[in-house]
Amino acid sequence: MNVMLSIVLRVLWNGGVTRIAVEEARRIHSKLLVLRESKNDYDLGEVNFEVMRKYGERSSFTPLLTYLTALYAKDRGTEATVDLDLILKAIKRIKPPALYQRPVLWIIGYIRKKLYGEDYFVYIHETSIDKNITKHSSKWKIATHMIDIPVIKTQK
């Protein structure tokens, strides 16, 4: 039995995390679930993907969420808005197993773990965490090994 991996991406825009998620979905024939689309120039012709909020669309919560995001990320602009409303909607749309492409999306995996007992995986792209701090601090727990998921097979 082949199980398709769901790759969850917060924003489809031109950037390193997006580039990795798109290529993962393309090469291992996974489903890419995008919470919000932004301006981008990716060729998604061979990618199985779904966009929850198309470029230019807004919800009634967008102004509030943009304001709240700006409190901790003033220099990031409106495209960096954390769409909490989409995060909550995504909880029901994801098909396991799932790989979450940003630490902010761990909340989806955590809630699905509590509701459905599913394991979840968070891909951490940031490398600015000081290894000495993480090694000796009880506040940081970072996985240092790769996990092989034998039920996922690439299609030919």
Foldseek 3Di string as FASTA:
>chain_A
DADAEEEEAAECAPDDLNVVSLVVCQFQVHEYEYAEYEDHDDDNPRGRYDYNYYYPDDDPCLVVQQVVVCVPVVPPDSSPRRPVVSLVVVLVVDDDDYEYSDPVSVVSQVVCCVVPVDHYHYDYPDDPDDPVCQVPDPVHDDDDDDDDDVNHGGDD
